[in-house]
Each structure stands twice: as C-alpha cells, then as structure tokens.
Amino acid sequence: MWLIRGDKQYITFIDPKGIRNLKGLFDPKIQLSQTIKSIEYNLSQQHDSIVLNSFIIAGTPFNDVSHWGDRDDFEQYNVFFQNEDKGYIGKIFNKIMEADFID
C-alpha cells in the first residue's frame, strides 16, 4: 500500500498469510517489520520523506501460536490476527501514521 500525505510517502507491505509453520517471532518474515526500518534509515540518507512498514495479517488463529508470546508481542512485530483482531485495519493505519506524530 502506498500513501502520500503532505511531503511524506508511506510504503507499506501487507502480507496476508498463515503463520503456523513459521519459526516463531524471530522468523525473518515476522522480523521484516524491524529490518525494514534499517532499510528506511539507509534510504533516508537520500530521501527523508519515505516511511517503510510491513505487516502480517495472520489467517492462523492466535491460539495456534500463543506459545510464541502474547498479543502484545505479536503487535510489536506488526502481526495481527484477521479473525480475532476486529480493529486491525485501524491499528495498521495508526502505526503507519505514527511518524507524523513523532516528527
């Protein structure tokens, strides 16, 4: 998803997927929400108006992966559960626009 607001461009990768077969919260697909910020930092050296984010919309029920952590742990890595987090779309937009409130 690509949003433009004022001078900023928000480029967001949203991946709907099952996560049951991943290797926990430290799987590279889940960690992309963190590593993409390194890419954003490197990019900001030339284009400081670009904000990068990534999210996973999990089709897997939370109970199937709850042994990896609690819901806050998953949200820290931008993983939302499609069938259980009814407000996940609003949470995604809030996280995307966080940079405006920090600047």
PDB file of N, CA and C in Angstrom:
ATOM      1  N   MET A   1       0.851  -1.147   0.000  1.00  0.00           N
ATOM      2  CA  MET A   1       0.000   0.000   0.000  1.00  0.00           C
ATOM      3  C   MET A   1       0.911   1.229   0.000  1.00  0.00           C
ATOM      4  N   TRP A   2       0.573   2.201  -0.801  1.00  0.00           N
ATOM      5  CA  TRP A   2       1.378   3.411  -0.927  1.00  0.00           C
ATOM      6  C   TRP A   2       0.477   4.601  -0.638  1.00  0.00           C
ATOM      7  N   LEU A   3       0.786   5.329   0.429  1.00  0.00           N
ATOM      8  CA  LEU A   3       0.035   6.517   0.806  1.00  0.00           C
ATOM      9  C   LEU A   3       0.937   7.732   0.710  1.00  0.00           C
ATOM     10  N   ILE A   4       0.374   8.827   0.281  1.00  0.00           N
ATOM     11  CA  ILE A   4       1.102  10.093   0.263  1.00  0.00           C
ATOM     12  C   ILE A   4       0.319  11.063   1.122  1.00  0.00           C
ATOM     13  N   ARG A   5       1.006  11.655   2.086  1.00  0.00           N
ATOM     14  CA  ARG A   5       0.389  12.647   2.972  1.00  0.00           C
ATOM     15  C   ARG A   5       1.378  13.791   3.131  1.00  0.00           C
ATOM     16  N   GLY A   6       1.035  14.925   2.562  1.00  0.00           N
ATOM     17  CA  GLY A   6       1.961  16.054   2.597  1.00  0.00           C
ATOM     18  C   GLY A   6       3.220  15.703   1.824  1.00  0.00           C
ATOM     19  N   ASP A   7       4.349  15.889   2.466  1.00  0.00           N
ATOM     20  CA  ASP A   7       5.640  15.595   1.844  1.00  0.00           C
ATOM     21  C   ASP A   7       6.074  14.142   2.026  1.00  0.00           C
ATOM     22  N   LYS A   8       5.349  13.385   2.817  1.00  0.00           N
ATOM     23  CA  LYS A   8       5.775  12.021   3.139  1.00  0.00           C
ATOM     24  C   LYS A   8       5.083  10.986   2.268  1.00  0.00           C
ATOM     25  N   GLN A   9       5.843   9.951   1.985  1.00  0.00           N
ATOM     26  CA  GLN A   9       5.331   8.780   1.284  1.00  0.00           C
ATOM     27  C   GLN A   9       5.442   7.587   2.236  1.00  0.00           C
ATOM     28  N   TYR A  10       4.358   6.891   2.407  1.00  0.00           N
ATOM     29  CA  TYR A  10       4.310   5.730   3.288  1.00  0.00           C
ATOM     30  C   TYR A  10       4.164   4.496   2.413  1.00  0.00           C
ATOM     31  N   ILE A  11       5.215   3.704   2.371  1.00  0.00           N
ATOM     32  CA  ILE A  11       5.214   2.481   1.578  1.00  0.00           C
ATOM     33  C   ILE A  11       5.102   1.318   2.567  1.00  0.00           C
ATOM     34  N   THR A  12       4.010   0.578   2.443  1.00  0.00           N
ATOM     35  CA  THR A  12       3.693  -0.448   3.430  1.00  0.00           C
ATOM     36  C   THR A  12       3.459  -1.784   2.740  1.00  0.00           C
ATOM     37  N   PHE A  13       4.136  -2.787   3.232  1.00  0.00           N
ATOM     38  CA  PHE A  13       3.977  -4.149   2.732  1.00  0.00           C
ATOM     39  C   PHE A  13       3.026  -4.882   3.677  1.00  0.00           C
ATOM     40  N   ILE A  14       1.934  -5.392   3.140  1.00  0.00           N
ATOM     41  CA  ILE A  14       0.935  -6.104   3.928  1.00  0.00           C
ATOM     42  C   ILE A  14       0.827  -7.517   3.366  1.00  0.00           C
ATOM     43  N   ASP A  15       1.131  -8.486   4.210  1.00  0.00           N
ATOM     44  CA  ASP A  15       1.199  -9.873   3.775  1.00  0.00           C
ATOM     45  C   ASP A  15       0.134 -10.699   4.494  1.00  0.00           C
ATOM     46  N   PRO A  16      -0.925 -11.084   3.789  1.00  0.00           N
ATOM     47  CA  PRO A  16      -1.892 -11.991   4.413  1.00  0.00           C
ATOM     48  C   PRO A  16      -1.341 -13.412   4.320  1.00  0.00           C
ATOM     49  N   LYS A  17      -1.200 -14.067   5.455  1.00  0.00           N
ATOM     50  CA  LYS A  17      -0.576 -15.396   5.407  1.00  0.00           C
ATOM     51  C   LYS A  17      -0.900 -16.179   6.662  1.00  0.00           C
ATOM     52  N   GLY A  18      -0.769 -17.454   6.546  1.00  0.00           N
ATOM     53  CA  GLY A  18      -0.792 -18.329   7.706  1.00  0.00           C
ATOM     54  C   GLY A  18       0.595 -18.323   8.327  1.00  0.00           C
ATOM     55  N   ILE A  19       0.680 -18.316   9.639  1.00  0.00           N
ATOM     56  CA  ILE A  19       1.996 -18.247  10.289  1.00  0.00           C
ATOM     57  C   ILE A  19       2.311 -19.486  11.121  1.00  0.00           C
ATOM     58  N   ARG A  20       1.425 -20.443  11.145  1.00  0.00           N
ATOM     59  CA  ARG A  20       1.605 -21.636  11.973  1.00  0.00           C
ATOM     60  C   ARG A  20       2.931 -22.339  11.681  1.00  0.00           C
ATOM     61  N   ASN A  21       3.375 -22.358  10.427  1.00  0.00           N
ATOM     62  CA  ASN A  21       4.586 -23.090  10.063  1.00  0.00           C
ATOM     63  C   ASN A  21       5.854 -22.239  10.092  1.00  0.00           C
ATOM     64  N   LEU A  22       5.745 -21.000  10.559  1.00  0.00           N
ATOM     65  CA  LEU A  22       6.951 -20.170  10.697  1.00  0.00           C
ATOM     66  C   LEU A  22       7.717 -20.626  11.930  1.00  0.00           C
ATOM     67  N   LYS A  23       8.886 -20.042  12.138  1.00  0.00           N
ATOM     68  CA  LYS A  23       9.758 -20.460  13.235  1.00  0.00           C
ATOM     69  C   LYS A  23       9.675 -19.526  14.427  1.00  0.00           C
ATOM     70  N   GLY A  24       8.483 -19.055  14.741  1.00  0.00           N
ATOM     71  CA  GLY A  24       8.305 -18.189  15.904  1.00  0.00           C
ATOM     72  C   GLY A  24       8.450 -16.722  15.551  1.00  0.00           C
ATOM     73  N   LEU A  25       8.471 -15.892  16.601  1.00  0.00           N
ATOM     74  CA  LEU A  25       8.533 -14.442  16.404  1.00  0.00           C
ATOM     75  C   LEU A  25       9.827 -13.982  15.751  1.00  0.00           C
ATOM     76  N   PHE A  26      10.849 -14.823  15.755  1.00  0.00           N
ATOM     77  CA  PHE A  26      12.124 -14.418  15.165  1.00  0.00           C
ATOM     78  C   PHE A  26      12.311 -14.949  13.749  1.00  0.00           C
ATOM     79  N   ASP A  27      11.254 -15.472  13.170  1.00  0.00           N
ATOM     80  CA  ASP A  27      11.274 -15.863  11.767  1.00  0.00           C
ATOM     81  C   ASP A  27      11.501 -14.607  10.914  1.00  0.00           C
ATOM     82  N   PRO A  28      12.316 -14.685   9.866  1.00  0.00           N
ATOM     83  CA  PRO A  28      12.582 -13.500   9.032  1.00  0.00           C
ATOM     84  C   PRO A  28      11.328 -12.828   8.481  1.00  0.00           C
ATOM     85  N   LYS A  29      10.277 -13.586   8.216  1.00  0.00           N
ATOM     86  CA  LYS A  29       9.055 -12.966   7.688  1.00  0.00           C
ATOM     87  C   LYS A  29       8.399 -12.071   8.735  1.00  0.00           C
ATOM     88  N   ILE A  30       8.455 -12.477   9.996  1.00  0.00           N
ATOM     89  CA  ILE A  30       7.915 -11.646  11.072  1.00  0.00           C
ATOM     90  C   ILE A  30       8.879 -10.512  11.399  1.00  0.00           C
ATOM     91  N   GLN A  31      10.155 -10.795  11.363  1.00  0.00           N
ATOM     92  CA  GLN A  31      11.163  -9.782  11.686  1.00  0.00           C
ATOM     93  C   GLN A  31      11.282  -8.675  10.634  1.00  0.00           C
ATOM     94  N   LEU A  32      10.672  -8.866   9.463  1.00  0.00           N
ATOM     95  CA  LEU A  32      10.725  -7.830   8.430  1.00  0.00           C
ATOM     96  C   LEU A  32      10.229  -6.495   8.961  1.00  0.00           C
ATOM     97  N   SER A  33       9.284  -6.503   9.890  1.00  0.00           N
ATOM     98  CA  SER A  33       8.774  -5.250  10.449  1.00  0.00           C
ATOM     99  C   SER A  33       9.880  -4.459  11.147  1.00  0.00           C
ATOM    100  N   GLN A  34      10.910  -5.144  11.606  1.00  0.00           N
ATOM    101  CA  GLN A  34      12.048  -4.485  12.250  1.00  0.00           C
ATOM    102  C   GLN A  34      13.161  -4.191  11.245  1.00  0.00           C
ATOM    103  N   THR A  35      13.484  -5.176  10.428  1.00  0.00           N
ATOM    104  CA  THR A  35      14.597  -4.992   9.490  1.00  0.00           C
ATOM    105  C   THR A  35      14.270  -3.960   8.413  1.00  0.00           C
ATOM    106  N   ILE A  36      12.995  -3.776   8.112  1.00  0.00           N
ATOM    107  CA  ILE A  36      12.630  -2.785   7.103  1.00  0.00           C
ATOM    108  C   ILE A  36      12.966  -1.372   7.585  1.00  0.00           C
ATOM    109  N   LYS A  37      13.032  -1.203   8.898  1.00  0.00           N
ATOM    110  CA  LYS A  37      13.387   0.111   9.448  1.00  0.00           C
ATOM    111  C   LYS A  37      14.861   0.429   9.189  1.00  0.00           C
ATOM    112  N   SER A  38      15.716  -0.589   9.099  1.00  0.00           N
ATOM    113  CA  SER A  38      17.120  -0.367   8.708  1.00  0.00           C
ATOM    114  C   SER A  38      17.195   0.093   7.256  1.00  0.00           C
ATOM    115  N   ILE A  39      16.372  -0.518   6.424  1.00  0.00           N
ATOM    116  CA  ILE A  39      16.316  -0.112   5.019  1.00  0.00           C
ATOM    117  C   ILE A  39      15.810   1.325   4.927  1.00  0.00           C
ATOM    118  N   GLU A  40      14.788   1.638   5.718  1.00  0.00           N
ATOM    119  CA  GLU A  40      14.252   3.007   5.745  1.00  0.00           C
ATOM    120  C   GLU A  40      15.339   3.998   6.164  1.00  0.00           C
ATOM    121  N   TYR A  41      16.120   3.644   7.188  1.00  0.00           N
ATOM    122  CA  TYR A  41      17.190   4.526   7.652  1.00  0.00           C
ATOM    123  C   TYR A  41      18.211   4.773   6.541  1.00  0.00           C
ATOM    124  N   ASN A  42      18.638   3.712   5.865  1.00  0.00           N
ATOM    125  CA  ASN A  42      19.604   3.871   4.774  1.00  0.00           C
ATOM    126  C   ASN A  42      19.023   4.714   3.641  1.00  0.00           C
ATOM    127  N   LEU A  43      17.771   4.510   3.351  1.00  0.00           N
ATOM    128  CA  LEU A  43      17.095   5.277   2.312  1.00  0.00           C
ATOM    129  C   LEU A  43      16.944   6.744   2.696  1.00  0.00           C
ATOM    130  N   SER A  44      16.788   6.994   3.997  1.00  0.00           N
ATOM    131  CA  SER A  44      16.575   8.362   4.469  1.00  0.00           C
ATOM    132  C   SER A  44      17.796   9.258   4.261  1.00  0.00           C
ATOM    133  N   GLN A  45      18.941   8.656   4.012  1.00  0.00           N
ATOM    134  CA  GLN A  45      20.131   9.448   3.740  1.00  0.00           C
ATOM    135  C   GLN A  45      19.962  10.257   2.461  1.00  0.00           C
ATOM    136  N   GLN A  46      19.121   9.784   1.556  1.00  0.00           N
ATOM    137  CA  GLN A  46      18.855  10.481   0.301  1.00  0.00           C
ATOM    138  C   GLN A  46      17.418  10.965   0.195  1.00  0.00           C
ATOM    139  N   HIS A  47      16.474  10.258   0.825  1.00  0.00           N
ATOM    140  CA  HIS A  47      15.052  10.589   0.723  1.00  0.00           C
ATOM    141  C   HIS A  47      14.432  10.497   2.110  1.00  0.00           C
ATOM    142  N   ASP A  48      14.449  11.577   2.857  1.00  0.00           N
ATOM    143  CA  ASP A  48      13.942  11.510   4.225  1.00  0.00           C
ATOM    144  C   ASP A  48      12.421  11.589   4.319  1.00  0.00           C
ATOM    145  N   SER A  49      11.762  11.573   3.189  1.00  0.00           N
ATOM    146  CA  SER A  49      10.306  11.677   3.205  1.00  0.00           C
ATOM    147  C   SER A  49       9.624  10.326   2.999  1.00  0.00           C
ATOM    148  N   ILE A  50      10.380   9.234   3.072  1.00  0.00           N
ATOM    149  CA  ILE A  50       9.809   7.908   2.841  1.00  0.00           C
ATOM    150  C   ILE A  50       9.780   7.131   4.158  1.00  0.00           C
ATOM    151  N   VAL A  51       8.612   6.575   4.465  1.00  0.00           N
ATOM    152  CA  VAL A  51       8.423   5.758   5.655  1.00  0.00           C
ATOM    153  C   VAL A  51       8.063   4.352   5.190  1.00  0.00           C
ATOM    154  N   LEU A  52       8.818   3.360   5.656  1.00  0.00           N
ATOM    155  CA  LEU A  52       8.581   1.965   5.288  1.00  0.00           C
ATOM    156  C   LEU A  52       8.008   1.190   6.470  1.00  0.00           C
ATOM    157  N   ASN A  53       7.048   0.341   6.203  1.00  0.00           N
ATOM    158  CA  ASN A  53       6.459  -0.528   7.213  1.00  0.00           C
ATOM    159  C   ASN A  53       6.098  -1.862   6.586  1.00  0.00           C
ATOM    160  N   SER A  54       5.963  -2.876   7.432  1.00  0.00           N
ATOM    161  CA  SER A  54       5.437  -4.153   6.968  1.00  0.00           C
ATOM    162  C   SER A  54       4.533  -4.736   8.046  1.00  0.00           C
ATOM    163  N   PHE A  55       3.508  -5.430   7.605  1.00  0.00           N
ATOM    164  CA  PHE A  55       2.524  -6.044   8.490  1.00  0.00           C
ATOM    165  C   PHE A  55       2.190  -7.430   7.970  1.00  0.00           C
ATOM    166  N   ILE A  56       1.846  -8.310   8.906  1.00  0.00           N
ATOM    167  CA  ILE A  56       1.320  -9.623   8.560  1.00  0.00           C
ATOM    168  C   ILE A  56      -0.101  -9.686   9.100  1.00  0.00           C
ATOM    169  N   ILE A  57      -1.014 -10.065   8.233  1.00  0.00           N
ATOM    170  CA  ILE A  57      -2.396 -10.331   8.631  1.00  0.00           C
ATOM    171  C   ILE A  57      -2.518 -11.847   8.674  1.00  0.00           C
ATOM    172  N   ALA A  58      -2.476 -12.392   9.875  1.00  0.00           N
ATOM    173  CA  ALA A  58      -2.420 -13.846  10.039  1.00  0.00           C
ATOM    174  C   ALA A  58      -3.808 -14.460   9.936  1.00  0.00           C
ATOM    175  N   GLY A  59      -3.911 -15.456   9.075  1.00  0.00           N
ATOM    176  CA  GLY A  59      -5.120 -16.265   8.999  1.00  0.00           C
ATOM    177  C   GLY A  59      -5.122 -17.355  10.059  1.00  0.00           C
ATOM    178  N   THR A  60      -3.970 -17.595  10.632  1.00  0.00           N
ATOM    179  CA  THR A  60      -3.815 -18.585  11.688  1.00  0.00           C
ATOM    180  C   THR A  60      -4.451 -18.054  12.975  1.00  0.00           C
ATOM    181  N   PRO A  61      -5.238 -18.858  13.672  1.00  0.00           N
ATOM    182  CA  PRO A  61      -5.785 -18.407  14.959  1.00  0.00           C
ATOM    183  C   PRO A  61      -4.666 -18.169  15.978  1.00  0.00           C
ATOM    184  N   PHE A  62      -4.860 -17.167  16.823  1.00  0.00           N
ATOM    185  CA  PHE A  62      -3.866 -16.841  17.845  1.00  0.00           C
ATOM    186  C   PHE A  62      -3.550 -18.047  18.729  1.00  0.00           C
ATOM    187  N   ASN A  63      -4.559 -18.808  19.105  1.00  0.00           N
ATOM    188  CA  ASN A  63      -4.333 -19.956  19.996  1.00  0.00           C
ATOM    189  C   ASN A  63      -3.346 -20.965  19.415  1.00  0.00           C
ATOM    190  N   ASP A  64      -3.241 -21.031  18.090  1.00  0.00           N
ATOM    191  CA  ASP A  64      -2.313 -21.976  17.462  1.00  0.00           C
ATOM    192  C   ASP A  64      -0.857 -21.552  17.611  1.00  0.00           C
ATOM    193  N   VAL A  65      -0.611 -20.283  17.913  1.00  0.00           N
ATOM    194  CA  VAL A  65       0.763 -19.782  18.028  1.00  0.00           C
ATOM    195  C   VAL A  65       0.990 -19.016  19.331  1.00  0.00           C
ATOM    196  N   SER A  66       0.058 -19.117  20.262  1.00  0.00           N
ATOM    197  CA  SER A  66       0.156 -18.352  21.511  1.00  0.00           C
ATOM    198  C   SER A  66       1.369 -18.746  22.354  1.00  0.00           C
ATOM    199  N   HIS A  67       1.943 -19.900  22.106  1.00  0.00           N
ATOM    200  CA  HIS A  67       3.145 -20.313  22.834  1.00  0.00           C
ATOM    201  C   HIS A  67       4.371 -19.478  22.424  1.00  0.00           C
ATOM    202  N   TRP A  68       4.264 -18.700  21.341  1.00  0.00           N
ATOM    203  CA  TRP A  68       5.362 -17.823  20.916  1.00  0.00           C
ATOM    204  C   TRP A  68       5.395 -16.528  21.712  1.00  0.00           C
ATOM    205  N   GLY A  69       4.244 -16.125  22.256  1.00  0.00           N
ATOM    206  CA  GLY A  69       4.171 -14.874  23.008  1.00  0.00           C
ATOM    207  C   GLY A  69       2.729 -14.434  23.145  1.00  0.00           C
ATOM    208  N   ASP A  70       2.540 -13.303  23.820  1.00  0.00           N
ATOM    209  CA  ASP A  70       1.177 -12.797  23.971  1.00  0.00           C
ATOM    210  C   ASP A  70       0.842 -11.858  22.805  1.00  0.00           C
ATOM    211  N   ARG A  71      -0.362 -11.340  22.799  1.00  0.00           N
ATOM    212  CA  ARG A  71      -0.800 -10.487  21.693  1.00  0.00           C
ATOM    213  C   ARG A  71       0.061  -9.240  21.543  1.00  0.00           C
ATOM    214  N   ASP A  72       0.518  -8.682  22.666  1.00  0.00           N
ATOM    215  CA  ASP A  72       1.388  -7.501  22.594  1.00  0.00           C
ATOM    216  C   ASP A  72       2.700  -7.821  21.885  1.00  0.00           C
ATOM    217  N   ASP A  73       3.230  -9.016  22.107  1.00  0.00           N
ATOM    218  CA  ASP A  73       4.454  -9.436  21.413  1.00  0.00           C
ATOM    219  C   ASP A  73       4.226  -9.465  19.906  1.00  0.00           C
ATOM    220  N   PHE A  74       3.098 -10.006  19.507  1.00  0.00           N
ATOM    221  CA  PHE A  74       2.789 -10.076  18.076  1.00  0.00           C
ATOM    222  C   PHE A  74       2.599  -8.678  17.492  1.00  0.00           C
ATOM    223  N   GLU A  75       1.888  -7.820  18.214  1.00  0.00           N
ATOM    224  CA  GLU A  75       1.658  -6.458  17.709  1.00  0.00           C
ATOM    225  C   GLU A  75       2.957  -5.667  17.616  1.00  0.00           C
ATOM    226  N   GLN A  76       3.898  -5.953  18.501  1.00  0.00           N
ATOM    227  CA  GLN A  76       5.214  -5.291  18.431  1.00  0.00           C
ATOM    228  C   GLN A  76       5.879  -5.566  17.085  1.00  0.00           C
ATOM    229  N   TYR A  77       5.624  -6.744  16.532  1.00  0.00           N
ATOM    230  CA  TYR A  77       6.176  -7.128  15.237  1.00  0.00           C
ATOM    231  C   TYR A  77       5.153  -6.980  14.106  1.00  0.00           C
ATOM    232  N   ASN A  78       4.107  -6.199  14.366  1.00  0.00           N
ATOM    233  CA  ASN A  78       3.097  -5.882  13.355  1.00  0.00           C
ATOM    234  C   ASN A  78       2.390  -7.110  12.791  1.00  0.00           C
ATOM    235  N   VAL A  79       2.101  -8.052  13.674  1.00  0.00           N
ATOM    236  CA  VAL A  79       1.322  -9.231  13.286  1.00  0.00           C
ATOM    237  C   VAL A  79      -0.061  -9.097  13.915  1.00  0.00           C
ATOM    238  N   PHE A  80      -1.082  -9.131  13.077  1.00  0.00           N
ATOM    239  CA  PHE A  80      -2.463  -9.044  13.529  1.00  0.00           C
ATOM    240  C   PHE A  80      -3.216 -10.286  13.072  1.00  0.00           C
ATOM    241  N   PHE A  81      -4.187 -10.694  13.867  1.00  0.00           N
ATOM    242  CA  PHE A  81      -4.954 -11.904  13.587  1.00  0.00           C
ATOM    243  C   PHE A  81      -6.285 -11.509  12.967  1.00  0.00           C
ATOM    244  N   GLN A  82      -6.437 -11.863  11.711  1.00  0.00           N
ATOM    245  CA  GLN A  82      -7.567 -11.429  10.899  1.00  0.00           C
ATOM    246  C   GLN A  82      -8.915 -11.725  11.540  1.00  0.00           C
ATOM    247  N   ASN A  83      -9.086 -12.900  12.064  1.00  0.00           N
ATOM    248  CA  ASN A  83     -10.394 -13.291  12.591  1.00  0.00           C
ATOM    249  C   ASN A  83     -10.613 -12.884  14.039  1.00  0.00           C
ATOM    250  N   GLU A  84      -9.569 -12.461  14.732  1.00  0.00           N
ATOM    251  CA  GLU A  84      -9.700 -12.156  16.160  1.00  0.00           C
ATOM    252  C   GLU A  84      -9.451 -10.685  16.481  1.00  0.00           C
ATOM    253  N   ASP A  85      -8.662  -9.988  15.674  1.00  0.00           N
ATOM    254  CA  ASP A  85      -8.384  -8.566  15.895  1.00  0.00           C
ATOM    255  C   ASP A  85      -9.307  -7.754  14.996  1.00  0.00           C
ATOM    256  N   LYS A  86     -10.522  -7.545  15.448  1.00  0.00           N
ATOM    257  CA  LYS A  86     -11.520  -6.887  14.595  1.00  0.00           C
ATOM    258  C   LYS A  86     -11.113  -5.470  14.203  1.00  0.00           C
ATOM    259  N   GLY A  87     -10.305  -4.793  14.990  1.00  0.00           N
ATOM    260  CA  GLY A  87      -9.889  -3.429  14.672  1.00  0.00           C
ATOM    261  C   GLY A  87      -8.514  -3.349  14.041  1.00  0.00           C
ATOM    262  N   TYR A  88      -8.049  -4.432  13.423  1.00  0.00           N
ATOM    263  CA  TYR A  88      -6.673  -4.452  12.933  1.00  0.00           C
ATOM    264  C   TYR A  88      -6.409  -3.446  11.815  1.00  0.00           C
ATOM    265  N   ILE A  89      -7.386  -3.127  11.001  1.00  0.00           N
ATOM    266  CA  ILE A  89      -7.148  -2.163   9.920  1.00  0.00           C
ATOM    267  C   ILE A  89      -6.858  -0.784  10.509  1.00  0.00           C
ATOM    268  N   GLY A  90      -7.619  -0.379  11.500  1.00  0.00           N
ATOM    269  CA  GLY A  90      -7.359   0.894  12.174  1.00  0.00           C
ATOM    270  C   GLY A  90      -6.006   0.904  12.856  1.00  0.00           C
ATOM    271  N   LYS A  91      -5.624  -0.209  13.473  1.00  0.00           N
ATOM    272  CA  LYS A  91      -4.314  -0.300  14.126  1.00  0.00           C
ATOM    273  C   LYS A  91      -3.193  -0.154  13.111  1.00  0.00           C
ATOM    274  N   ILE A  92      -3.371  -0.744  11.940  1.00  0.00           N
ATOM    275  CA  ILE A  92      -2.354  -0.636  10.892  1.00  0.00           C
ATOM    276  C   ILE A  92      -2.200   0.824  10.475  1.00  0.00           C
ATOM    277  N   PHE A  93      -3.304   1.501  10.199  1.00  0.00           N
ATOM    278  CA  PHE A  93      -3.210   2.903   9.793  1.00  0.00           C
ATOM    279  C   PHE A  93      -2.603   3.762  10.894  1.00  0.00           C
ATOM    280  N   ASN A  94      -2.951   3.501  12.143  1.00  0.00           N
ATOM    281  CA  ASN A  94      -2.353   4.257  13.248  1.00  0.00           C
ATOM    282  C   ASN A  94      -0.843   4.059  13.307  1.00  0.00           C
ATOM    283  N   LYS A  95      -0.395   2.822  13.138  1.00  0.00           N
ATOM    284  CA  LYS A  95       1.051   2.555  13.171  1.00  0.00           C
ATOM    285  C   LYS A  95       1.764   3.188  11.977  1.00  0.00           C
ATOM    286  N   ILE A  96       1.117   3.184  10.832  1.00  0.00           N
ATOM    287  CA  ILE A  96       1.731   3.782   9.646  1.00  0.00           C
ATOM    288  C   ILE A  96       1.925   5.277   9.855  1.00  0.00           C
ATOM    289  N   MET A  97       0.940   5.938  10.422  1.00  0.00           N
ATOM    290  CA  MET A  97       0.990   7.384  10.581  1.00  0.00           C
ATOM    291  C   MET A  97       1.708   7.848  11.829  1.00  0.00           C
ATOM    292  N   GLU A  98       2.204   6.915  12.672  1.00  0.00           N
ATOM    293  CA  GLU A  98       2.932   7.278  13.883  1.00  0.00           C
ATOM    294  C   GLU A  98       4.053   8.273  13.622  1.00  0.00           C
ATOM    295  N   ALA A  99       4.728   8.147  12.511  1.00  0.00           N
ATOM    296  CA  ALA A  99       5.872   9.007  12.197  1.00  0.00           C
ATOM    297  C   ALA A  99       5.468  10.480  12.164  1.00  0.00           C
ATOM    298  N   ASP A 100       4.243  10.769  11.747  1.00  0.00           N
ATOM    299  CA  ASP A 100       3.789  12.160  11.722  1.00  0.00           C
ATOM    300  C   ASP A 100       3.702  12.750  13.116  1.00  0.00           C
ATOM    301  N   PHE A 101       3.351  11.916  14.094  1.00  0.00           N
ATOM    302  CA  PHE A 101       3.210  12.407  15.453  1.00  0.00           C
ATOM    303  C   PHE A 101       4.553  12.520  16.161  1.00  0.00           C
ATOM    304  N   ILE A 102       5.540  11.767  15.687  1.00  0.00           N
ATOM    305  CA  ILE A 102       6.871  11.812  16.265  1.00  0.00           C
ATOM    306  C   ILE A 102       7.634  13.023  15.752  1.00  0.00           C
ATOM    307  N   ASP A 103       7.472  13.349  14.466  1.00  0.00           N
ATOM    308  CA  ASP A 103       8.212  14.467  13.855  1.00  0.00           C
ATOM    309  C   ASP A 103       7.794  15.800  14.420  1.00  0.00           C
TER     310      ASP A 103
END
